[in-house]
Amino acid sequence: MVSKNQIKLISGLHQKKQRFANQLFFAEGVKVIQELLQSNFELEHLYTMLNDFEEVQTAKRTLINEQELKKISALTTPNSCLAVFKMPVENQIMNSGLILALDDIRDPGNLGTIMRLCDWFGIKQIVCSKETVDIYNPKVVQATMGSIARVNVNYVDLKTFISQTKLPVFGTFMDGNNIYQSDLPQNGIIIMGNEANGISAEIEKIVTSRLTIPRFGELQKTESLNVATATAIILSEFKRNS
C-alpha cells in the first residue's frame, strides 16, 4: 500500500523543481526499470502490481493496486510498475570523439528519442543548453527506453562550451553543404537546434561547418524534418563515414 506521504512525494516529482529539490526522479514500465536497475542508478523505492523484481530487496519494494498506481503515474494508461531513483552526480564531460550538442530542444519525446539514437550509434556524450528539457522529465525517461543509463548528459552554457573546444563544430541548416557529399570526421561537435527555430543566432556564429540533409522530393515543399529524425540521419552518416 502507498502512503499519503509517498503519493505526495511522487506526485511532486512530476515537476522539475521538486525533482531537483529531492534529487529524485521516477521511471515507469518493466523494461525501463529493469534497465535502470542494471545500471549505476540507485533505486529509492519500487512500486509494482506484480510479484516481480525479485532482485529488489523487500524493504524497497511495495505491492500496490491499479488505483494506487494511477495516483502516482504520469501515464494516461499506467503500466504495471513505477520506480523512484536517486539522481546521480553529473559525470565529467567526455571531450573527445563525436559529441552531440542540443540547442534548446523542448519536446520530451524528441530528447528521449535522441538519447536512444546516441545509444544506438555509440555517441557517449550529449551536451545540452540550459534551456533544453530536463532529462529526468518523466516523458523523457520513458522515451529513452533505458538509454538514459548509457549516455552521458551534461547541461552547460553551450556558447561557452563550444567556444572553448578545439574540435570542429558542425551545425545543421537548410542552406548547408550536402551531408552526403561532405568529408565527416570521427571527432567533432554536432549541433541540433530547437524544433521551431533551429540553431540560435549566437550559436550559429561559432559553427565551423554547415551541413544540410538535401530534399529529394519532386515538389520540394517540406519545410523541415523533425529534429529526432534529422539526428538519426546525421549520426548515421557520420558513423558510415568513420
C-alpha atoms as a PDB file:
ATOM      1  CA  MET A   1       0.000   0.000   0.000  1.00  0.00           C
ATOM      2  CA  VAL A   2       1.194   3.504  -0.853  1.00  0.00           C
ATOM      3  CA  SER A   3       1.086   6.041   1.984  1.00  0.00           C
ATOM      4  CA  LYS A   4      -0.193   9.600   1.563  1.00  0.00           C
ATOM      5  CA  ASN A   5       3.337  10.927   2.047  1.00  0.00           C
ATOM      6  CA  GLN A   6       4.655   8.644  -0.686  1.00  0.00           C
ATOM      7  CA  ILE A   7       1.881   9.758  -3.058  1.00  0.00           C
ATOM      8  CA  LYS A   8       2.692  13.394  -2.273  1.00  0.00           C
ATOM      9  CA  LEU A   9       6.407  12.853  -2.880  1.00  0.00           C
ATOM     10  CA  ILE A  10       5.978  11.000  -6.176  1.00  0.00           C
ATOM     11  CA  SER A  11       3.328  13.432  -7.426  1.00  0.00           C
ATOM     12  CA  GLY A  12       5.798  16.235  -6.717  1.00  0.00           C
ATOM     13  CA  LEU A  13       8.413  14.512  -8.871  1.00  0.00           C
ATOM     14  CA  HIS A  14       6.269  15.271 -11.911  1.00  0.00           C
ATOM     15  CA  GLN A  15       7.678  18.815 -11.553  1.00  0.00           C
ATOM     16  CA  LYS A  16      11.292  19.722 -12.309  1.00  0.00           C
ATOM     17  CA  LYS A  17      11.600  21.927  -9.205  1.00  0.00           C
ATOM     18  CA  GLN A  18      10.623  19.067  -6.911  1.00  0.00           C
ATOM     19  CA  ARG A  19      12.816  16.542  -8.725  1.00  0.00           C
ATOM     20  CA  PHE A  20      15.876  18.650  -8.103  1.00  0.00           C
ATOM     21  CA  ALA A  21      14.854  19.618  -4.574  1.00  0.00           C
ATOM     22  CA  ASN A  22      14.589  15.927  -3.659  1.00  0.00           C
ATOM     23  CA  GLN A  23      17.304  14.725  -6.068  1.00  0.00           C
ATOM     24  CA  LEU A  24      14.891  12.014  -7.208  1.00  0.00           C
ATOM     25  CA  PHE A  25      13.119  11.009 -10.428  1.00  0.00           C
ATOM     26  CA  PHE A  26      10.884   8.139 -11.452  1.00  0.00           C
ATOM     27  CA  ALA A  27      10.571   5.648 -14.285  1.00  0.00           C
ATOM     28  CA  GLU A  28       7.643   3.501 -15.394  1.00  0.00           C
ATOM     29  CA  GLY A  29       7.377   0.134 -17.115  1.00  0.00           C
ATOM     30  CA  VAL A  30       9.197  -3.168 -16.697  1.00  0.00           C
ATOM     31  CA  LYS A  31      11.758  -2.627 -19.477  1.00  0.00           C
ATOM     32  CA  VAL A  32      12.860   0.853 -18.418  1.00  0.00           C
ATOM     33  CA  ILE A  33      13.010  -0.068 -14.738  1.00  0.00           C
ATOM     34  CA  GLN A  34      14.984  -3.260 -15.441  1.00  0.00           C
ATOM     35  CA  GLU A  35      17.494  -1.264 -17.494  1.00  0.00           C
ATOM     36  CA  LEU A  36      17.963   1.241 -14.682  1.00  0.00           C
ATOM     37  CA  LEU A  37      18.249  -1.458 -12.020  1.00  0.00           C
ATOM     38  CA  GLN A  38      21.113  -2.994 -14.010  1.00  0.00           C
ATOM     39  CA  SER A  39      22.905   0.373 -14.264  1.00  0.00           C
ATOM     40  CA  ASN A  40      24.639   2.673 -11.794  1.00  0.00           C
ATOM     41  CA  PHE A  41      21.354   4.377 -10.869  1.00  0.00           C
ATOM     42  CA  GLU A  42      20.445   3.821  -7.216  1.00  0.00           C
ATOM     43  CA  LEU A  43      16.905   2.661  -6.503  1.00  0.00           C
ATOM     44  CA  GLU A  44      14.991   4.604  -3.857  1.00  0.00           C
ATOM     45  CA  HIS A  45      11.800   2.523  -3.988  1.00  0.00           C
ATOM     46  CA  LEU A  46       9.813   0.286  -6.337  1.00  0.00           C
ATOM     47  CA  TYR A  47       6.023   0.171  -6.568  1.00  0.00           C
ATOM     48  CA  THR A  48       4.608  -2.758  -8.528  1.00  0.00           C
ATOM     49  CA  MET A  49       1.297  -4.514  -9.142  1.00  0.00           C
ATOM     50  CA  LEU A  50       3.040  -7.834  -9.766  1.00  0.00           C
ATOM     51  CA  ASN A  51       5.165 -10.202  -7.702  1.00  0.00           C
ATOM     52  CA  ASP A  52       8.171  -9.491  -9.876  1.00  0.00           C
ATOM     53  CA  PHE A  53      11.570  -7.806  -9.483  1.00  0.00           C
ATOM     54  CA  GLU A  54      12.712 -10.454  -7.037  1.00  0.00           C
ATOM     55  CA  GLU A  55      16.215  -8.992  -7.178  1.00  0.00           C
ATOM     56  CA  VAL A  56      14.954  -5.893  -5.324  1.00  0.00           C
ATOM     57  CA  GLN A  57      15.120  -6.242  -1.545  1.00  0.00           C
ATOM     58  CA  THR A  58      11.743  -6.410   0.202  1.00  0.00           C
ATOM     59  CA  ALA A  59      12.323  -3.165   2.120  1.00  0.00           C
ATOM     60  CA  LYS A  60      12.493  -1.252  -1.173  1.00  0.00           C
ATOM     61  CA  ARG A  61       9.544  -2.948  -2.871  1.00  0.00           C
ATOM     62  CA  THR A  62       5.852  -2.215  -2.303  1.00  0.00           C
ATOM     63  CA  LEU A  63       2.992  -4.194  -3.829  1.00  0.00           C
ATOM     64  CA  ILE A  64       0.236  -1.820  -4.977  1.00  0.00           C
ATOM     65  CA  ASN A  65      -3.070  -1.988  -6.828  1.00  0.00           C
ATOM     66  CA  GLU A  66      -4.210  -0.325 -10.047  1.00  0.00           C
ATOM     67  CA  GLN A  67      -5.935   2.595  -8.320  1.00  0.00           C
ATOM     68  CA  GLU A  68      -2.832   3.410  -6.300  1.00  0.00           C
ATOM     69  CA  LEU A  69      -0.666   3.283  -9.406  1.00  0.00           C
ATOM     70  CA  LYS A  70      -2.983   5.715 -11.197  1.00  0.00           C
ATOM     71  CA  LYS A  71      -2.483   8.223  -8.378  1.00  0.00           C
ATOM     72  CA  ILE A  72       1.288   8.356  -8.879  1.00  0.00           C
ATOM     73  CA  SER A  73       1.702   7.590 -12.594  1.00  0.00           C
ATOM     74  CA  ALA A  74       2.464  10.179 -15.283  1.00  0.00           C
ATOM     75  CA  LEU A  75       0.939   7.958 -17.969  1.00  0.00           C
ATOM     76  CA  THR A  76      -2.634   8.181 -19.239  1.00  0.00           C
ATOM     77  CA  THR A  77      -2.734   4.387 -19.128  1.00  0.00           C
ATOM     78  CA  PRO A  78      -0.373   3.372 -16.313  1.00  0.00           C
ATOM     79  CA  ASN A  79       1.969   0.435 -16.705  1.00  0.00           C
ATOM     80  CA  SER A  80       2.298  -2.248 -14.038  1.00  0.00           C
ATOM     81  CA  CYS A  81       5.115  -0.615 -12.082  1.00  0.00           C
ATOM     82  CA  LEU A  82       6.836   2.620 -11.129  1.00  0.00           C
ATOM     83  CA  ALA A  83      10.255   3.062  -9.549  1.00  0.00           C
ATOM     84  CA  VAL A  84      11.827   6.080  -7.878  1.00  0.00           C
ATOM     85  CA  PHE A  85      15.581   6.513  -8.379  1.00  0.00           C
ATOM     86  CA  LYS A  86      18.178   8.868  -6.958  1.00  0.00           C
ATOM     87  CA  MET A  87      19.664  11.383  -9.370  1.00  0.00           C
ATOM     88  CA  PRO A  88      23.313  10.501  -9.965  1.00  0.00           C
ATOM     89  CA  VAL A  89      26.120  13.021  -9.661  1.00  0.00           C
ATOM     90  CA  GLU A  90      26.717  14.586 -13.076  1.00  0.00           C
ATOM     91  CA  ASN A  91      29.752  12.992 -14.733  1.00  0.00           C
ATOM     92  CA  GLN A  92      32.612  14.951 -16.251  1.00  0.00           C
ATOM     93  CA  ILE A  93      32.176  15.809 -19.922  1.00  0.00           C
ATOM     94  CA  MET A  94      33.908  13.416 -22.328  1.00  0.00           C
ATOM     95  CA  ASN A  95      35.553  15.973 -24.598  1.00  0.00           C
ATOM     96  CA  SER A  96      36.551  13.650 -27.423  1.00  0.00           C
ATOM     97  CA  GLY A  97      35.048  11.598 -30.222  1.00  0.00           C
ATOM     98  CA  LEU A  98      31.671  12.728 -31.540  1.00  0.00           C
ATOM     99  CA  ILE A  99      29.677  14.938 -29.171  1.00  0.00           C
ATOM    100  CA  LEU A 100      26.045  15.826 -29.778  1.00  0.00           C
ATOM    101  CA  ALA A 101      25.077  19.344 -28.664  1.00  0.00           C
ATOM    102  CA  LEU A 102      21.399  20.204 -28.240  1.00  0.00           C
ATOM    103  CA  ASP A 103      20.460  23.876 -28.545  1.00  0.00           C
ATOM    104  CA  ASP A 104      17.107  24.420 -26.802  1.00  0.00           C
ATOM    105  CA  ILE A 105      15.352  21.105 -27.515  1.00  0.00           C
ATOM    106  CA  ARG A 106      11.978  21.463 -25.796  1.00  0.00           C
ATOM    107  CA  ASP A 107       9.968  18.343 -26.616  1.00  0.00           C
ATOM    108  CA  PRO A 108      10.500  15.489 -24.101  1.00  0.00           C
ATOM    109  CA  GLY A 109       9.778  12.835 -26.721  1.00  0.00           C
ATOM    110  CA  ASN A 110      12.420  14.290 -29.022  1.00  0.00           C
ATOM    111  CA  LEU A 111      15.060  14.349 -26.298  1.00  0.00           C
ATOM    112  CA  GLY A 112      14.281  10.794 -25.230  1.00  0.00           C
ATOM    113  CA  THR A 113      14.450   9.557 -28.818  1.00  0.00           C
ATOM    114  CA  ILE A 114      17.717  11.435 -29.413  1.00  0.00           C
ATOM    115  CA  MET A 115      19.227   9.738 -26.354  1.00  0.00           C
ATOM    116  CA  ARG A 116      18.190   6.343 -27.740  1.00  0.00           C
ATOM    117  CA  LEU A 117      19.797   7.258 -31.070  1.00  0.00           C
ATOM    118  CA  CYS A 118      23.048   8.212 -29.351  1.00  0.00           C
ATOM    119  CA  ASP A 119      22.991   4.888 -27.511  1.00  0.00           C
ATOM    120  CA  TRP A 120      22.402   3.062 -30.824  1.00  0.00           C
ATOM    121  CA  PHE A 121      25.158   4.864 -32.720  1.00  0.00           C
ATOM    122  CA  GLY A 122      27.681   4.795 -29.881  1.00  0.00           C
ATOM    123  CA  ILE A 123      27.642   8.529 -29.113  1.00  0.00           C
ATOM    124  CA  LYS A 124      28.657   8.622 -25.471  1.00  0.00           C
ATOM    125  CA  GLN A 125      28.306  12.364 -24.786  1.00  0.00           C
ATOM    126  CA  ILE A 126      25.426  14.828 -25.129  1.00  0.00           C
ATOM    127  CA  VAL A 127      25.768  18.450 -24.025  1.00  0.00           C
ATOM    128  CA  CYS A 128      22.550  20.422 -23.617  1.00  0.00           C
ATOM    129  CA  SER A 129      21.864  24.119 -23.375  1.00  0.00           C
ATOM    130  CA  LYS A 130      20.348  25.244 -20.090  1.00  0.00           C
ATOM    131  CA  GLU A 131      17.011  25.747 -21.894  1.00  0.00           C
ATOM    132  CA  THR A 132      16.808  22.151 -23.124  1.00  0.00           C
ATOM    133  CA  VAL A 133      14.156  19.995 -21.448  1.00  0.00           C
ATOM    134  CA  ASP A 134      15.250  18.155 -18.280  1.00  0.00           C
ATOM    135  CA  ILE A 135      16.408  14.564 -18.938  1.00  0.00           C
ATOM    136  CA  TYR A 136      14.600  13.446 -15.772  1.00  0.00           C
ATOM    137  CA  ASN A 137      11.240  14.652 -17.062  1.00  0.00           C
ATOM    138  CA  PRO A 138       9.033  11.506 -16.890  1.00  0.00           C
ATOM    139  CA  LYS A 139       8.256  11.693 -20.620  1.00  0.00           C
ATOM    140  CA  VAL A 140      11.969  11.890 -21.456  1.00  0.00           C
ATOM    141  CA  VAL A 141      12.812   8.949 -19.183  1.00  0.00           C
ATOM    142  CA  GLN A 142      10.018   6.914 -20.781  1.00  0.00           C
ATOM    143  CA  ALA A 143      11.121   7.758 -24.329  1.00  0.00           C
ATOM    144  CA  THR A 144      14.741   6.755 -23.683  1.00  0.00           C
ATOM    145  CA  MET A 145      13.637   3.152 -23.006  1.00  0.00           C
ATOM    146  CA  GLY A 146      16.628   2.736 -20.707  1.00  0.00           C
ATOM    147  CA  SER A 147      19.243   4.544 -22.800  1.00  0.00           C
ATOM    148  CA  ILE A 148      19.367   7.246 -20.111  1.00  0.00           C
ATOM    149  CA  ALA A 149      21.603   4.806 -18.220  1.00  0.00           C
ATOM    150  CA  ARG A 150      24.198   4.578 -21.005  1.00  0.00           C
ATOM    151  CA  VAL A 151      24.607   8.098 -22.412  1.00  0.00           C
ATOM    152  CA  ASN A 152      26.407  10.858 -20.506  1.00  0.00           C
ATOM    153  CA  VAL A 153      24.378  14.095 -20.494  1.00  0.00           C
ATOM    154  CA  ASN A 154      25.569  17.466 -19.192  1.00  0.00           C
ATOM    155  CA  TYR A 155      23.800  20.830 -19.108  1.00  0.00           C
ATOM    156  CA  VAL A 156      26.158  23.694 -19.918  1.00  0.00           C
ATOM    157  CA  ASP A 157      26.402  27.227 -21.211  1.00  0.00           C
ATOM    158  CA  LEU A 158      26.507  25.981 -24.782  1.00  0.00           C
ATOM    159  CA  LYS A 159      28.166  29.053 -26.284  1.00  0.00           C
ATOM    160  CA  THR A 160      30.983  28.976 -23.722  1.00  0.00           C
ATOM    161  CA  PHE A 161      31.491  25.221 -24.066  1.00  0.00           C
ATOM    162  CA  ILE A 162      31.677  25.299 -27.868  1.00  0.00           C
ATOM    163  CA  SER A 163      33.871  28.419 -27.920  1.00  0.00           C
ATOM    164  CA  GLN A 164      36.440  26.680 -25.721  1.00  0.00           C
ATOM    165  CA  THR A 165      36.644  23.445 -27.699  1.00  0.00           C
ATOM    166  CA  LYS A 166      39.312  22.611 -30.267  1.00  0.00           C
ATOM    167  CA  LEU A 167      37.023  20.175 -32.047  1.00  0.00           C
ATOM    168  CA  PRO A 168      35.377  21.040 -35.390  1.00  0.00           C
ATOM    169  CA  VAL A 169      31.809  22.269 -34.913  1.00  0.00           C
ATOM    170  CA  PHE A 170      29.065  21.087 -37.269  1.00  0.00           C
ATOM    171  CA  GLY A 171      25.704  22.829 -37.436  1.00  0.00           C
ATOM    172  CA  THR A 172      22.583  21.686 -39.256  1.00  0.00           C
ATOM    173  CA  PHE A 173      20.945  24.267 -41.535  1.00  0.00           C
ATOM    174  CA  MET A 174      18.654  24.351 -44.560  1.00  0.00           C
ATOM    175  CA  ASP A 175      21.377  26.070 -46.623  1.00  0.00           C
ATOM    176  CA  GLY A 176      24.369  23.966 -45.518  1.00  0.00           C
ATOM    177  CA  ASN A 177      26.613  21.660 -47.528  1.00  0.00           C
ATOM    178  CA  ASN A 178      25.112  18.369 -48.658  1.00  0.00           C
ATOM    179  CA  ILE A 179      25.932  15.883 -45.881  1.00  0.00           C
ATOM    180  CA  TYR A 180      26.142  13.024 -48.394  1.00  0.00           C
ATOM    181  CA  GLN A 181      28.952  14.833 -50.221  1.00  0.00           C
ATOM    182  CA  SER A 182      30.858  16.026 -47.144  1.00  0.00           C
ATOM    183  CA  ASP A 183      34.017  14.670 -45.542  1.00  0.00           C
ATOM    184  CA  LEU A 184      32.920  13.852 -41.992  1.00  0.00           C
ATOM    185  CA  PRO A 185      35.500  13.253 -39.221  1.00  0.00           C
ATOM    186  CA  GLN A 186      35.418  10.825 -36.298  1.00  0.00           C
ATOM    187  CA  ASN A 187      35.821  13.695 -33.821  1.00  0.00           C
ATOM    188  CA  GLY A 188      33.677  16.811 -33.582  1.00  0.00           C
ATOM    189  CA  ILE A 189      30.626  18.521 -32.138  1.00  0.00           C
ATOM    190  CA  ILE A 190      27.308  18.132 -33.953  1.00  0.00           C
ATOM    191  CA  ILE A 191      24.714  20.777 -33.046  1.00  0.00           C
ATOM    192  CA  MET A 192      20.985  20.168 -33.375  1.00  0.00           C
ATOM    193  CA  GLY A 193      18.668  23.144 -32.903  1.00  0.00           C
ATOM    194  CA  ASN A 194      15.275  23.977 -31.475  1.00  0.00           C
ATOM    195  CA  GLU A 195      12.210  22.303 -33.024  1.00  0.00           C
ATOM    196  CA  ALA A 196      10.689  25.582 -34.239  1.00  0.00           C
ATOM    197  CA  ASN A 197      13.639  27.936 -34.665  1.00  0.00           C
ATOM    198  CA  GLY A 198      16.660  25.734 -35.357  1.00  0.00           C
ATOM    199  CA  ILE A 199      20.110  26.712 -34.072  1.00  0.00           C
ATOM    200  CA  SER A 200      20.148  30.051 -32.259  1.00  0.00           C
ATOM    201  CA  ALA A 201      21.917  33.046 -33.821  1.00  0.00           C
ATOM    202  CA  GLU A 202      24.649  33.187 -31.146  1.00  0.00           C
ATOM    203  CA  ILE A 203      25.497  29.503 -31.602  1.00  0.00           C
ATOM    204  CA  GLU A 204      25.355  29.779 -35.392  1.00  0.00           C
ATOM    205  CA  LYS A 205      28.214  32.316 -35.265  1.00  0.00           C
ATOM    206  CA  ILE A 206      30.630  29.730 -33.828  1.00  0.00           C
ATOM    207  CA  VAL A 207      29.759  26.878 -36.203  1.00  0.00           C
ATOM    208  CA  THR A 208      32.733  25.963 -38.391  1.00  0.00           C
ATOM    209  CA  SER A 209      30.938  23.674 -40.876  1.00  0.00           C
ATOM    210  CA  ARG A 210      27.345  23.993 -42.080  1.00  0.00           C
ATOM    211  CA  LEU A 211      25.553  20.802 -43.104  1.00  0.00           C
ATOM    212  CA  THR A 212      22.160  20.019 -44.584  1.00  0.00           C
ATOM    213  CA  ILE A 213      20.151  16.913 -45.395  1.00  0.00           C
ATOM    214  CA  PRO A 214      19.064  17.525 -49.012  1.00  0.00           C
ATOM    215  CA  ARG A 215      15.438  17.182 -50.039  1.00  0.00           C
ATOM    216  CA  PHE A 216      14.778  14.687 -52.802  1.00  0.00           C
ATOM    217  CA  GLY A 217      11.021  15.217 -53.095  1.00  0.00           C
ATOM    218  CA  GLU A 218       9.926  16.415 -56.522  1.00  0.00           C
ATOM    219  CA  LEU A 219       7.951  19.405 -55.243  1.00  0.00           C
ATOM    220  CA  GLN A 220      10.461  20.442 -52.543  1.00  0.00           C
ATOM    221  CA  LYS A 221       7.583  21.601 -50.334  1.00  0.00           C
ATOM    222  CA  THR A 222       8.558  20.044 -46.990  1.00  0.00           C
ATOM    223  CA  GLU A 223       9.902  22.844 -44.789  1.00  0.00           C
ATOM    224  CA  SER A 224      11.932  20.764 -42.344  1.00  0.00           C
ATOM    225  CA  LEU A 225      12.477  17.403 -40.673  1.00  0.00           C
ATOM    226  CA  ASN A 226      11.616  16.519 -37.100  1.00  0.00           C
ATOM    227  CA  VAL A 227      14.781  17.092 -35.046  1.00  0.00           C
ATOM    228  CA  ALA A 228      14.978  13.477 -33.858  1.00  0.00           C
ATOM    229  CA  THR A 229      14.565  12.197 -37.424  1.00  0.00           C
ATOM    230  CA  ALA A 230      17.260  14.588 -38.635  1.00  0.00           C
ATOM    231  CA  THR A 231      19.553  13.474 -35.801  1.00  0.00           C
ATOM    232  CA  ALA A 232      19.161   9.834 -36.861  1.00  0.00           C
ATOM    233  CA  ILE A 233      20.184  10.627 -40.445  1.00  0.00           C
ATOM    234  CA  ILE A 234      23.131  12.784 -39.419  1.00  0.00           C
ATOM    235  CA  LEU A 235      24.534  10.353 -36.850  1.00  0.00           C
ATOM    236  CA  SER A 236      24.155   7.500 -39.328  1.00  0.00           C
ATOM    237  CA  GLU A 237      26.104   9.426 -41.958  1.00  0.00           C
ATOM    238  CA  PHE A 238      28.900  10.389 -39.553  1.00  0.00           C
ATOM    239  CA  LYS A 239      29.236   6.765 -38.462  1.00  0.00           C
ATOM    240  CA  ARG A 240      29.103   5.453 -42.020  1.00  0.00           C
ATOM    241  CA  ASN A 241      31.955   7.752 -42.986  1.00  0.00           C
ATOM    242  CA  SER A 242      34.020   6.691 -39.977  1.00  0.00           C
END
